[in-house]
Structures are given as C-alpha cells and as structure tokens.
Amino acid sequence: MRTIKRDLDALENSGAPIWSRPGPGGGYGLATGASLPPVSLSPAQAVALMAAVSAAPDAPYADLAAAGIQKILDVLDPRTRARADELAGRVWVNAIPVSSRKIRSALEEGMAEQRVIRLRYTSKDGSTTVRDVEPVLFASTNGQWYLIGWCRVRNAMRWFTVSRIGRANVTKTVCSGHTIHEVGIPPANARPVHGRG
C-alpha cells in the first residue's frame, strides 16, 4: 500500500493528472485523455546513469538500478539510443569483485522491509560471530560499503563491512524503530542518494 501511494505521489509530482475515488468501486486513475510525460534523456545523461551503476556494482539496489536503466534505454528514440551506445563505448570502469548477490538481496530486503537480519560476520581480527541486526542505513566511505544497524548482541549501533558478511538471512522480526539520528552526525561530505540537487 505504501509503495502504491508513493508511486501515485511521484506521478502527481511529475505533473500527471491523477484522480481518486473513495469507497467500493473506487480507486485511482489517470484523467481521461491524459498521458504520462515521456522520458527524455540526452545521450550523455543516459551514459551518466550507466556509468554510475557500472562503477558501483556493490552498491545497495545496484541490480535494480541496472534493470531500471535498461527500461529507460529501451524507450529512448533509436537515434538517441545509438548515440548513447556509441558514447558508452568510450567510458570504461574497472569491474570490482562484489559480495554475494544472495547476501546483498537479504540486506536490501531487510532494509526495505525494516526487519531484523541475522548475520554471520567476520571482524577485522578474524573472529566470526552471529548477530541479529536491525538495519538503519547503508553507507559508502573510502570505497567500502557498510550496513549500519542496531546490533541486538551488543545493544549498540554498529558498522558492519558488507564484504565481511558471510551469510545474511532476513527474519520475520520487525525492527524496533531505531533511526539514522542514533548513528551520529554524518561526515560533512556525506549526503543521501535522493535525486534532488
């Protein structure tokens, strides 16, 4: 339900004329005769999206981002698509090894659904523990991705290096509501990844 409402808000904010009708037989729809605004990217904008995702394959939701970009590329006009393909051949990225897709999927699901994740984690000193973690945020710093969350074993906020997570399973337990404010003050150059300026 939240996803549907968020999508409807996004459509409305893009200028699409949305109607709603409450009660039985009601719902939401696009006003008669209206159409969704077309996606229009320049070849350079399309390549910028491809480069960003290609350069960060270990980022949270990177697979979904790549699938989204492919959808956008599929609806570009043929001339723009050809120019974007040609320009993309002039941008190279170094393929880095990424953590297991299964682990990243569990972390992404736990974060999105706000459910506790059971981790098998190997610390810097080589000791391995099993932790139940309430995911609060993902952070990237110095080329490394971290899951920051409330560790139920330590009863404290902890940073877990994603590449050191050996196993991750989403539990049915709902998180208790820890917020990003408990993580502390972000570095001056840190910012959320939302698309606004």
N, C-alpha and C. Protein backbone atom coordinates (compact mmCIF):
# COMPACT_ATOMS: atom_id res chain seq x y z
N MET A 1 0.83 -1.19 0.00
CA MET A 1 0.00 0.00 0.00
C MET A 1 0.88 1.26 0.00
N ARG A 2 1.95 1.24 0.84
CA ARG A 2 2.84 2.40 0.89
C ARG A 2 3.51 2.63 -0.45
N THR A 3 3.90 1.53 -1.12
CA THR A 3 4.56 1.65 -2.42
C THR A 3 3.62 2.27 -3.44
N ILE A 4 2.37 1.83 -3.43
CA ILE A 4 1.39 2.37 -4.37
C ILE A 4 1.19 3.85 -4.13
N LYS A 5 1.04 4.24 -2.86
CA LYS A 5 0.84 5.66 -2.56
C LYS A 5 2.06 6.49 -2.93
N ARG A 6 3.25 5.94 -2.72
CA ARG A 6 4.49 6.64 -3.09
C ARG A 6 4.55 6.81 -4.61
N ASP A 7 4.17 5.77 -5.36
CA ASP A 7 4.17 5.86 -6.82
C ASP A 7 3.14 6.88 -7.31
N LEU A 8 1.99 6.90 -6.68
CA LEU A 8 0.96 7.88 -7.06
C LEU A 8 1.43 9.30 -6.78
N ASP A 9 2.10 9.50 -5.64
CA ASP A 9 2.66 10.82 -5.34
C ASP A 9 3.69 11.23 -6.38
N ALA A 10 4.54 10.28 -6.77
CA ALA A 10 5.57 10.58 -7.77
C ALA A 10 4.93 10.97 -9.10
N LEU A 11 3.88 10.24 -9.50
CA LEU A 11 3.18 10.58 -10.75
C LEU A 11 2.56 11.97 -10.66
N GLU A 12 1.91 12.24 -9.53
CA GLU A 12 1.27 13.54 -9.35
C GLU A 12 2.30 14.66 -9.36
N ASN A 13 3.46 14.44 -8.71
CA ASN A 13 4.51 15.45 -8.68
C ASN A 13 5.14 15.66 -10.05
N SER A 14 5.04 14.66 -10.94
CA SER A 14 5.59 14.81 -12.29
C SER A 14 4.63 15.58 -13.20
N GLY A 15 3.46 15.90 -12.68
CA GLY A 15 2.50 16.66 -13.48
C GLY A 15 1.39 15.82 -14.08
N ALA A 16 1.40 14.52 -13.83
CA ALA A 16 0.35 13.66 -14.37
C ALA A 16 -0.97 13.93 -13.63
N PRO A 17 -2.06 14.11 -14.37
CA PRO A 17 -3.36 14.38 -13.72
C PRO A 17 -4.00 13.10 -13.17
N ILE A 18 -3.87 12.89 -11.88
CA ILE A 18 -4.37 11.68 -11.21
C ILE A 18 -5.72 11.98 -10.57
N TRP A 19 -6.66 11.05 -10.69
CA TRP A 19 -7.93 11.18 -9.98
C TRP A 19 -8.03 10.06 -8.95
N SER A 20 -8.84 10.29 -7.93
CA SER A 20 -9.09 9.25 -6.93
C SER A 20 -10.57 9.27 -6.56
N ARG A 21 -11.08 8.08 -6.24
CA ARG A 21 -12.48 7.95 -5.84
C ARG A 21 -12.51 6.98 -4.67
N PRO A 22 -13.00 7.44 -3.49
CA PRO A 22 -13.05 6.55 -2.31
C PRO A 22 -14.22 5.58 -2.37
N GLY A 23 -14.17 4.59 -1.52
CA GLY A 23 -15.29 3.67 -1.34
C GLY A 23 -15.28 2.49 -2.30
N PRO A 24 -16.32 1.63 -2.18
CA PRO A 24 -16.41 0.45 -3.05
C PRO A 24 -16.47 0.87 -4.52
N GLY A 25 -15.68 0.20 -5.33
CA GLY A 25 -15.64 0.53 -6.75
C GLY A 25 -14.74 1.72 -7.05
N GLY A 26 -14.15 2.30 -6.02
CA GLY A 26 -13.28 3.46 -6.19
C GLY A 26 -11.88 3.03 -6.57
N GLY A 27 -10.98 3.98 -6.55
CA GLY A 27 -9.60 3.69 -6.87
C GLY A 27 -8.89 4.93 -7.36
N TYR A 28 -7.84 4.73 -8.11
CA TYR A 28 -7.05 5.82 -8.66
C TYR A 28 -6.93 5.61 -10.15
N GLY A 29 -6.72 6.68 -10.87
CA GLY A 29 -6.53 6.56 -12.31
C GLY A 29 -5.94 7.82 -12.90
N LEU A 30 -5.63 7.74 -14.18
CA LEU A 30 -5.12 8.86 -14.94
C LEU A 30 -6.31 9.53 -15.62
N ALA A 31 -6.39 10.84 -15.53
CA ALA A 31 -7.53 11.57 -16.10
C ALA A 31 -7.69 11.21 -17.58
N THR A 32 -8.95 11.15 -18.03
CA THR A 32 -9.26 10.79 -19.42
C THR A 32 -8.55 11.72 -20.39
N GLY A 33 -7.94 11.13 -21.39
CA GLY A 33 -7.26 11.91 -22.43
C GLY A 33 -5.85 12.32 -22.05
N ALA A 34 -5.44 12.06 -20.81
CA ALA A 34 -4.11 12.44 -20.38
C ALA A 34 -3.12 11.33 -20.70
N SER A 35 -1.88 11.68 -20.76
CA SER A 35 -0.84 10.68 -20.95
C SER A 35 0.32 11.00 -20.01
N LEU A 36 1.11 9.99 -19.75
CA LEU A 36 2.27 10.20 -18.89
C LEU A 36 3.33 10.98 -19.66
N PRO A 37 4.06 11.87 -18.96
CA PRO A 37 5.11 12.60 -19.65
C PRO A 37 6.19 11.63 -20.15
N PRO A 38 6.72 11.86 -21.35
CA PRO A 38 7.72 10.93 -21.88
C PRO A 38 9.05 11.07 -21.13
N VAL A 39 9.80 9.98 -21.11
CA VAL A 39 11.15 10.04 -20.55
C VAL A 39 12.05 10.54 -21.67
N SER A 40 12.74 11.61 -21.40
CA SER A 40 13.60 12.19 -22.43
C SER A 40 14.97 12.45 -21.82
N LEU A 41 15.95 11.71 -22.29
CA LEU A 41 17.32 11.88 -21.83
C LEU A 41 18.21 12.19 -23.01
N SER A 42 19.25 12.95 -22.76
CA SER A 42 20.27 13.14 -23.78
C SER A 42 21.17 11.91 -23.76
N PRO A 43 21.93 11.68 -24.82
CA PRO A 43 22.86 10.54 -24.80
C PRO A 43 23.81 10.61 -23.60
N ALA A 44 24.30 11.81 -23.27
CA ALA A 44 25.23 11.95 -22.15
C ALA A 44 24.54 11.61 -20.82
N GLN A 45 23.28 12.00 -20.65
CA GLN A 45 22.56 11.65 -19.42
C GLN A 45 22.38 10.14 -19.30
N ALA A 46 22.06 9.49 -20.41
CA ALA A 46 21.90 8.03 -20.40
C ALA A 46 23.22 7.35 -20.03
N VAL A 47 24.32 7.83 -20.59
CA VAL A 47 25.63 7.24 -20.29
C VAL A 47 26.02 7.53 -18.84
N ALA A 48 25.67 8.69 -18.34
CA ALA A 48 25.98 9.01 -16.94
C ALA A 48 25.31 8.02 -16.00
N LEU A 49 24.06 7.68 -16.29
CA LEU A 49 23.35 6.68 -15.47
C LEU A 49 24.03 5.32 -15.58
N MET A 50 24.37 4.92 -16.80
CA MET A 50 25.03 3.62 -16.99
C MET A 50 26.38 3.59 -16.27
N ALA A 51 27.14 4.67 -16.36
CA ALA A 51 28.46 4.72 -15.73
C ALA A 51 28.34 4.65 -14.21
N ALA A 52 27.38 5.38 -13.66
CA ALA A 52 27.22 5.39 -12.20
C ALA A 52 26.91 4.00 -11.67
N VAL A 53 26.02 3.29 -12.33
CA VAL A 53 25.66 1.95 -11.88
C VAL A 53 26.79 0.96 -12.13
N SER A 54 27.45 1.08 -13.29
CA SER A 54 28.55 0.16 -13.60
C SER A 54 29.73 0.33 -12.65
N ALA A 55 29.96 1.57 -12.20
CA ALA A 55 31.10 1.84 -11.33
C ALA A 55 30.83 1.44 -9.88
N ALA A 56 29.58 1.15 -9.55
CA ALA A 56 29.25 0.79 -8.17
C ALA A 56 28.39 -0.47 -8.13
N PRO A 57 28.89 -1.60 -8.66
CA PRO A 57 28.06 -2.80 -8.70
C PRO A 57 27.79 -3.40 -7.32
N ASP A 58 28.55 -2.97 -6.31
CA ASP A 58 28.34 -3.49 -4.96
C ASP A 58 27.42 -2.59 -4.14
N ALA A 59 26.93 -1.51 -4.73
CA ALA A 59 26.03 -0.60 -4.02
C ALA A 59 24.69 -1.28 -3.74
N PRO A 60 24.04 -0.89 -2.66
CA PRO A 60 22.71 -1.44 -2.41
C PRO A 60 21.78 -1.14 -3.59
N TYR A 61 20.98 -2.11 -3.95
CA TYR A 61 19.98 -1.98 -5.01
C TYR A 61 20.60 -1.76 -6.39
N ALA A 62 21.90 -2.07 -6.57
CA ALA A 62 22.56 -1.86 -7.87
C ALA A 62 21.91 -2.68 -8.98
N ASP A 63 21.50 -3.92 -8.68
CA ASP A 63 20.86 -4.75 -9.71
C ASP A 63 19.54 -4.13 -10.16
N LEU A 64 18.78 -3.61 -9.20
CA LEU A 64 17.51 -2.96 -9.54
C LEU A 64 17.75 -1.68 -10.33
N ALA A 65 18.80 -0.95 -9.97
CA ALA A 65 19.14 0.27 -10.72
C ALA A 65 19.50 -0.08 -12.16
N ALA A 66 20.29 -1.13 -12.35
CA ALA A 66 20.66 -1.54 -13.70
C ALA A 66 19.42 -1.93 -14.51
N ALA A 67 18.49 -2.64 -13.87
CA ALA A 67 17.25 -3.03 -14.57
C ALA A 67 16.42 -1.79 -14.92
N GLY A 68 16.39 -0.80 -14.01
CA GLY A 68 15.65 0.43 -14.28
C GLY A 68 16.26 1.21 -15.43
N ILE A 69 17.58 1.28 -15.46
CA ILE A 69 18.26 1.98 -16.55
C ILE A 69 17.98 1.28 -17.87
N GLN A 70 17.97 -0.05 -17.87
CA GLN A 70 17.67 -0.78 -19.10
C GLN A 70 16.26 -0.45 -19.60
N LYS A 71 15.31 -0.31 -18.69
CA LYS A 71 13.94 0.07 -19.10
C LYS A 71 13.95 1.45 -19.76
N ILE A 72 14.70 2.37 -19.17
CA ILE A 72 14.79 3.72 -19.74
C ILE A 72 15.42 3.67 -21.13
N LEU A 73 16.52 2.91 -21.26
CA LEU A 73 17.20 2.82 -22.56
C LEU A 73 16.29 2.20 -23.61
N ASP A 74 15.47 1.25 -23.19
CA ASP A 74 14.57 0.57 -24.14
C ASP A 74 13.54 1.50 -24.74
N VAL A 75 13.20 2.61 -24.07
CA VAL A 75 12.17 3.51 -24.61
C VAL A 75 12.76 4.78 -25.22
N LEU A 76 14.09 4.89 -25.26
CA LEU A 76 14.68 6.04 -25.94
C LEU A 76 14.47 5.92 -27.44
N ASP A 77 14.39 7.07 -28.09
CA ASP A 77 14.25 7.01 -29.54
C ASP A 77 15.53 6.40 -30.12
N PRO A 78 15.42 5.71 -31.27
CA PRO A 78 16.56 4.97 -31.83
C PRO A 78 17.82 5.81 -32.04
N ARG A 79 17.67 7.06 -32.45
CA ARG A 79 18.85 7.90 -32.69
C ARG A 79 19.57 8.20 -31.37
N THR A 80 18.82 8.57 -30.34
CA THR A 80 19.43 8.86 -29.04
C THR A 80 20.07 7.60 -28.48
N ARG A 81 19.39 6.47 -28.63
CA ARG A 81 19.93 5.20 -28.13
C ARG A 81 21.25 4.87 -28.83
N ALA A 82 21.31 5.05 -30.13
CA ALA A 82 22.54 4.76 -30.87
C ALA A 82 23.68 5.67 -30.43
N ARG A 83 23.38 6.95 -30.23
CA ARG A 83 24.41 7.89 -29.78
C ARG A 83 24.86 7.55 -28.36
N ALA A 84 23.92 7.14 -27.51
CA ALA A 84 24.28 6.75 -26.14
C ALA A 84 25.15 5.50 -26.16
N ASP A 85 24.81 4.52 -27.00
CA ASP A 85 25.61 3.29 -27.10
C ASP A 85 27.03 3.61 -27.56
N GLU A 86 27.15 4.52 -28.54
CA GLU A 86 28.47 4.89 -29.04
C GLU A 86 29.28 5.58 -27.94
N LEU A 87 28.67 6.51 -27.23
CA LEU A 87 29.36 7.22 -26.15
C LEU A 87 29.71 6.28 -25.00
N ALA A 88 28.84 5.33 -24.70
CA ALA A 88 29.09 4.37 -23.61
C ALA A 88 30.35 3.55 -23.88
N GLY A 89 30.66 3.30 -25.15
CA GLY A 89 31.87 2.57 -25.51
C GLY A 89 33.14 3.35 -25.18
N ARG A 90 32.99 4.64 -24.89
CA ARG A 90 34.13 5.49 -24.57
C ARG A 90 34.28 5.71 -23.06
N VAL A 91 33.50 4.98 -22.28
CA VAL A 91 33.58 5.09 -20.82
C VAL A 91 33.85 3.70 -20.27
N TRP A 92 34.98 3.52 -19.65
CA TRP A 92 35.36 2.22 -19.09
C TRP A 92 35.34 2.29 -17.57
N VAL A 93 34.95 1.18 -16.95
CA VAL A 93 35.03 1.07 -15.50
C VAL A 93 35.75 -0.23 -15.17
N ASN A 94 36.44 -0.23 -14.06
CA ASN A 94 37.15 -1.41 -13.60
C ASN A 94 36.15 -2.29 -12.85
N ALA A 95 35.93 -3.49 -13.35
CA ALA A 95 34.99 -4.40 -12.69
C ALA A 95 35.59 -4.88 -11.37
N ILE A 96 34.92 -4.55 -10.28
CA ILE A 96 35.43 -4.96 -8.97
C ILE A 96 34.64 -6.17 -8.49
N PRO A 97 35.26 -7.04 -7.68
CA PRO A 97 34.51 -8.17 -7.15
C PRO A 97 33.45 -7.65 -6.17
N VAL A 98 32.29 -8.24 -6.24
CA VAL A 98 31.20 -7.80 -5.36
C VAL A 98 30.80 -8.92 -4.43
N SER A 99 30.15 -8.53 -3.34
CA SER A 99 29.69 -9.52 -2.39
C SER A 99 28.58 -10.37 -3.02
N SER A 100 28.29 -11.48 -2.41
CA SER A 100 27.29 -12.41 -2.92
C SER A 100 25.95 -11.72 -3.15
N ARG A 101 25.33 -12.04 -4.29
CA ARG A 101 24.01 -11.48 -4.61
C ARG A 101 23.00 -11.89 -3.53
N LYS A 102 23.12 -13.12 -3.03
CA LYS A 102 22.19 -13.60 -2.00
C LYS A 102 22.31 -12.75 -0.73
N ILE A 103 23.54 -12.43 -0.34
CA ILE A 103 23.75 -11.61 0.86
C ILE A 103 23.21 -10.20 0.62
N ARG A 104 23.57 -9.61 -0.51
CA ARG A 104 23.09 -8.25 -0.79
C ARG A 104 21.57 -8.20 -0.86
N SER A 105 20.95 -9.22 -1.44
CA SER A 105 19.48 -9.25 -1.51
C SER A 105 18.87 -9.28 -0.11
N ALA A 106 19.46 -10.07 0.78
CA ALA A 106 18.94 -10.14 2.15
C ALA A 106 19.10 -8.79 2.85
N LEU A 107 20.24 -8.14 2.68
CA LEU A 107 20.45 -6.83 3.30
C LEU A 107 19.46 -5.80 2.75
N GLU A 108 19.28 -5.81 1.44
CA GLU A 108 18.35 -4.87 0.80
C GLU A 108 16.92 -5.11 1.26
N GLU A 109 16.52 -6.38 1.32
CA GLU A 109 15.16 -6.70 1.77
C GLU A 109 14.95 -6.30 3.22
N GLY A 110 15.92 -6.63 4.08
CA GLY A 110 15.80 -6.26 5.49
C GLY A 110 15.67 -4.77 5.68
N MET A 111 16.46 -4.00 4.91
CA MET A 111 16.40 -2.54 5.00
C MET A 111 15.05 -2.04 4.51
N ALA A 112 14.61 -2.50 3.35
CA ALA A 112 13.36 -2.02 2.76
C ALA A 112 12.15 -2.38 3.61
N GLU A 113 12.16 -3.60 4.17
CA GLU A 113 11.01 -4.08 4.94
C GLU A 113 11.14 -3.77 6.43
N GLN A 114 12.31 -3.24 6.83
CA GLN A 114 12.60 -2.95 8.23
C GLN A 114 12.37 -4.17 9.11
N ARG A 115 13.07 -5.26 8.73
CA ARG A 115 13.05 -6.50 9.50
C ARG A 115 14.46 -6.85 9.93
N VAL A 116 14.57 -7.52 11.06
CA VAL A 116 15.87 -7.90 11.60
C VAL A 116 16.57 -8.87 10.65
N ILE A 117 17.89 -8.66 10.50
CA ILE A 117 18.71 -9.52 9.65
C ILE A 117 19.67 -10.29 10.55
N ARG A 118 19.73 -11.60 10.36
CA ARG A 118 20.70 -12.42 11.09
C ARG A 118 21.95 -12.54 10.22
N LEU A 119 23.08 -12.04 10.74
CA LEU A 119 24.33 -12.01 10.01
C LEU A 119 25.34 -12.98 10.59
N ARG A 120 26.12 -13.60 9.73
CA ARG A 120 27.36 -14.25 10.17
C ARG A 120 28.45 -13.30 9.72
N TYR A 121 29.16 -12.73 10.71
CA TYR A 121 30.07 -11.63 10.44
C TYR A 121 31.47 -11.96 10.94
N THR A 122 32.46 -11.69 10.09
CA THR A 122 33.86 -11.88 10.48
C THR A 122 34.49 -10.51 10.68
N SER A 123 34.95 -10.26 11.90
CA SER A 123 35.53 -8.95 12.22
C SER A 123 36.93 -8.83 11.66
N LYS A 124 37.52 -7.65 11.78
CA LYS A 124 38.85 -7.37 11.26
C LYS A 124 39.90 -8.30 11.87
N ASP A 125 39.69 -8.70 13.15
CA ASP A 125 40.67 -9.58 13.81
C ASP A 125 40.47 -11.06 13.46
N GLY A 126 39.45 -11.37 12.62
CA GLY A 126 39.24 -12.73 12.16
C GLY A 126 38.24 -13.54 12.95
N SER A 127 37.68 -12.99 14.02
CA SER A 127 36.68 -13.74 14.79
C SER A 127 35.32 -13.63 14.11
N THR A 128 34.60 -14.75 14.10
CA THR A 128 33.29 -14.81 13.44
C THR A 128 32.21 -14.95 14.49
N THR A 129 31.16 -14.13 14.34
CA THR A 129 30.02 -14.17 15.26
C THR A 129 28.73 -14.15 14.46
N VAL A 130 27.65 -14.54 15.11
CA VAL A 130 26.32 -14.43 14.53
C VAL A 130 25.63 -13.29 15.27
N ARG A 131 25.08 -12.36 14.50
CA ARG A 131 24.45 -11.17 15.08
C ARG A 131 23.07 -10.98 14.50
N ASP A 132 22.14 -10.55 15.32
CA ASP A 132 20.84 -10.09 14.85
C ASP A 132 20.92 -8.57 14.80
N VAL A 133 20.68 -8.02 13.61
CA VAL A 133 20.89 -6.59 13.39
C VAL A 133 19.62 -5.95 12.84
N GLU A 134 19.26 -4.81 13.42
CA GLU A 134 18.15 -4.01 12.89
C GLU A 134 18.76 -2.99 11.93
N PRO A 135 18.56 -3.15 10.62
CA PRO A 135 19.21 -2.26 9.65
C PRO A 135 18.69 -0.83 9.75
N VAL A 136 19.61 0.12 9.75
CA VAL A 136 19.24 1.53 9.84
C VAL A 136 19.63 2.28 8.56
N LEU A 137 20.85 2.05 8.08
CA LEU A 137 21.24 2.69 6.82
C LEU A 137 22.43 1.99 6.19
N PHE A 138 22.59 2.25 4.88
CA PHE A 138 23.77 1.83 4.15
C PHE A 138 24.66 3.05 4.01
N ALA A 139 25.96 2.87 4.08
CA ALA A 139 26.88 3.99 3.89
C ALA A 139 28.08 3.51 3.09
N SER A 140 28.58 4.39 2.26
CA SER A 140 29.79 4.11 1.50
C SER A 140 30.83 5.13 1.89
N THR A 141 31.99 4.64 2.29
CA THR A 141 33.09 5.54 2.61
C THR A 141 34.40 4.85 2.27
N ASN A 142 35.32 5.62 1.70
CA ASN A 142 36.62 5.10 1.29
C ASN A 142 36.52 3.84 0.43
N GLY A 143 35.53 3.82 -0.48
CA GLY A 143 35.38 2.70 -1.40
C GLY A 143 34.80 1.43 -0.79
N GLN A 144 34.28 1.52 0.40
CA GLN A 144 33.75 0.35 1.10
C GLN A 144 32.29 0.59 1.50
N TRP A 145 31.45 -0.42 1.32
CA TRP A 145 30.05 -0.33 1.73
C TRP A 145 29.87 -0.92 3.12
N TYR A 146 29.02 -0.25 3.91
CA TYR A 146 28.72 -0.68 5.27
C TYR A 146 27.22 -0.78 5.47
N LEU A 147 26.83 -1.74 6.32
CA LEU A 147 25.47 -1.80 6.84
C LEU A 147 25.59 -1.28 8.26
N ILE A 148 24.85 -0.23 8.57
CA ILE A 148 24.87 0.30 9.92
C ILE A 148 23.52 -0.05 10.55
N GLY A 149 23.59 -0.65 11.71
CA GLY A 149 22.35 -1.07 12.35
C GLY A 149 22.52 -1.32 13.83
N TRP A 150 21.40 -1.50 14.48
CA TRP A 150 21.37 -1.79 15.91
C TRP A 150 21.67 -3.26 16.11
N CYS A 151 22.82 -3.55 16.72
CA CYS A 151 23.21 -4.93 16.99
C CYS A 151 22.54 -5.37 18.28
N ARG A 152 21.71 -6.39 18.18
CA ARG A 152 21.00 -6.88 19.36
C ARG A 152 21.91 -7.65 20.31
N VAL A 153 23.05 -8.12 19.83
CA VAL A 153 24.01 -8.81 20.70
C VAL A 153 24.75 -7.78 21.56
N ARG A 154 25.19 -6.69 20.96
CA ARG A 154 25.97 -5.66 21.66
C ARG A 154 25.10 -4.55 22.26
N ASN A 155 23.80 -4.54 21.92
CA ASN A 155 22.90 -3.47 22.35
C ASN A 155 23.46 -2.09 22.03
N ALA A 156 23.92 -1.95 20.79
CA ALA A 156 24.51 -0.69 20.35
C ALA A 156 24.47 -0.61 18.83
N MET A 157 24.61 0.62 18.33
CA MET A 157 24.70 0.83 16.90
C MET A 157 26.08 0.37 16.44
N ARG A 158 26.14 -0.40 15.36
CA ARG A 158 27.41 -0.92 14.86
C ARG A 158 27.49 -0.76 13.34
N TRP A 159 28.73 -0.64 12.84
CA TRP A 159 29.00 -0.58 11.41
C TRP A 159 29.53 -1.94 11.00
N PHE A 160 28.88 -2.58 10.01
CA PHE A 160 29.30 -3.89 9.51
C PHE A 160 29.78 -3.72 8.07
N THR A 161 31.03 -4.07 7.81
CA THR A 161 31.57 -4.02 6.45
C THR A 161 30.87 -5.10 5.64
N VAL A 162 30.20 -4.71 4.57
CA VAL A 162 29.40 -5.66 3.78
C VAL A 162 30.25 -6.81 3.27
N SER A 163 31.49 -6.54 2.86
CA SER A 163 32.34 -7.60 2.31
C SER A 163 32.74 -8.64 3.36
N ARG A 164 32.54 -8.35 4.64
CA ARG A 164 32.87 -9.30 5.71
C ARG A 164 31.66 -10.10 6.19
N ILE A 165 30.52 -9.85 5.57
CA ILE A 165 29.32 -10.60 5.94
C ILE A 165 29.33 -11.91 5.17
N GLY A 166 29.41 -13.02 5.89
CA GLY A 166 29.49 -14.33 5.25
C GLY A 166 28.13 -14.93 4.95
N ARG A 167 27.13 -14.52 5.69
CA ARG A 167 25.76 -15.02 5.46
C ARG A 167 24.80 -13.98 6.02
N ALA A 168 23.64 -13.83 5.38
CA ALA A 168 22.62 -12.89 5.84
C ALA A 168 21.25 -13.47 5.54
N ASN A 169 20.41 -13.52 6.57
CA ASN A 169 19.04 -14.01 6.40
C ASN A 169 18.08 -13.03 7.05
N VAL A 170 17.03 -12.69 6.33
CA VAL A 170 16.01 -11.80 6.88
C VAL A 170 15.10 -12.63 7.77
N THR A 171 14.87 -12.14 8.98
CA THR A 171 13.97 -12.84 9.90
C THR A 171 12.56 -12.26 9.76
N LYS A 172 11.63 -12.83 10.48
CA LYS A 172 10.26 -12.31 10.47
C LYS A 172 10.08 -11.19 11.51
N THR A 173 11.11 -10.95 12.31
CA THR A 173 11.03 -9.96 13.39
C THR A 173 11.11 -8.54 12.83
N VAL A 174 10.15 -7.72 13.20
CA VAL A 174 10.11 -6.32 12.76
C VAL A 174 11.07 -5.50 13.61
N CYS A 175 11.76 -4.57 12.99
CA CYS A 175 12.69 -3.70 13.71
C CYS A 175 11.93 -2.86 14.75
N SER A 176 12.65 -2.47 15.79
CA SER A 176 12.00 -1.75 16.89
C SER A 176 11.99 -0.23 16.72
N GLY A 177 12.50 0.27 15.61
CA GLY A 177 12.35 1.69 15.33
C GLY A 177 13.59 2.56 15.54
N HIS A 178 14.77 1.97 15.51
CA HIS A 178 15.98 2.79 15.61
C HIS A 178 16.09 3.66 14.36
N THR A 179 16.60 4.88 14.53
CA THR A 179 16.63 5.84 13.43
C THR A 179 18.05 6.24 13.07
N ILE A 180 18.19 6.91 11.94
CA ILE A 180 19.50 7.37 11.49
C ILE A 180 20.10 8.38 12.47
N HIS A 181 19.27 9.05 13.24
CA HIS A 181 19.78 10.03 14.20
C HIS A 181 20.62 9.37 15.29
N GLU A 182 20.38 8.09 15.53
CA GLU A 182 21.16 7.35 16.53
C GLU A 182 22.54 6.97 16.02
N VAL A 183 22.74 7.02 14.71
CA VAL A 183 24.03 6.66 14.13
C VAL A 183 25.06 7.73 14.47
N GLY A 184 24.62 8.97 14.57
CA GLY A 184 25.53 10.08 14.85
C GLY A 184 25.49 11.08 13.72
N ILE A 185 26.36 12.04 13.82
CA ILE A 185 26.41 13.10 12.82
C ILE A 185 27.20 12.59 11.62
N PRO A 186 26.61 12.68 10.42
CA PRO A 186 27.34 12.21 9.24
C PRO A 186 28.52 13.13 8.93
N PRO A 187 29.53 12.62 8.23
CA PRO A 187 30.63 13.49 7.82
C PRO A 187 30.10 14.65 6.97
N ALA A 188 30.83 15.74 6.95
CA ALA A 188 30.39 16.95 6.23
C ALA A 188 30.10 16.69 4.76
N ASN A 189 30.82 15.75 4.15
CA ASN A 189 30.63 15.49 2.72
C ASN A 189 29.65 14.35 2.45
N ALA A 190 29.03 13.80 3.50
CA ALA A 190 28.05 12.71 3.30
C ALA A 190 26.70 13.30 2.93
N ARG A 191 25.99 12.58 2.09
CA ARG A 191 24.65 13.04 1.69
C ARG A 191 23.81 11.84 1.29
N PRO A 192 22.48 11.95 1.42
CA PRO A 192 21.63 10.86 0.96
C PRO A 192 21.65 10.78 -0.57
N VAL A 193 21.22 9.64 -1.11
CA VAL A 193 21.30 9.45 -2.56
C VAL A 193 20.06 9.91 -3.31
N HIS A 194 19.13 10.60 -2.62
CA HIS A 194 17.92 11.02 -3.34
C HIS A 194 18.30 11.88 -4.52
N GLY A 195 17.40 11.93 -5.52
CA GLY A 195 17.71 12.58 -6.79
C GLY A 195 17.63 14.09 -6.76
N ARG A 196 17.30 14.69 -5.64
CA ARG A 196 17.19 16.15 -5.60
C ARG A 196 18.57 16.75 -5.41
N GLY A 197 18.82 17.86 -6.14
CA GLY A 197 20.04 18.63 -6.15
C GLY A 197 20.93 18.47 -5.03
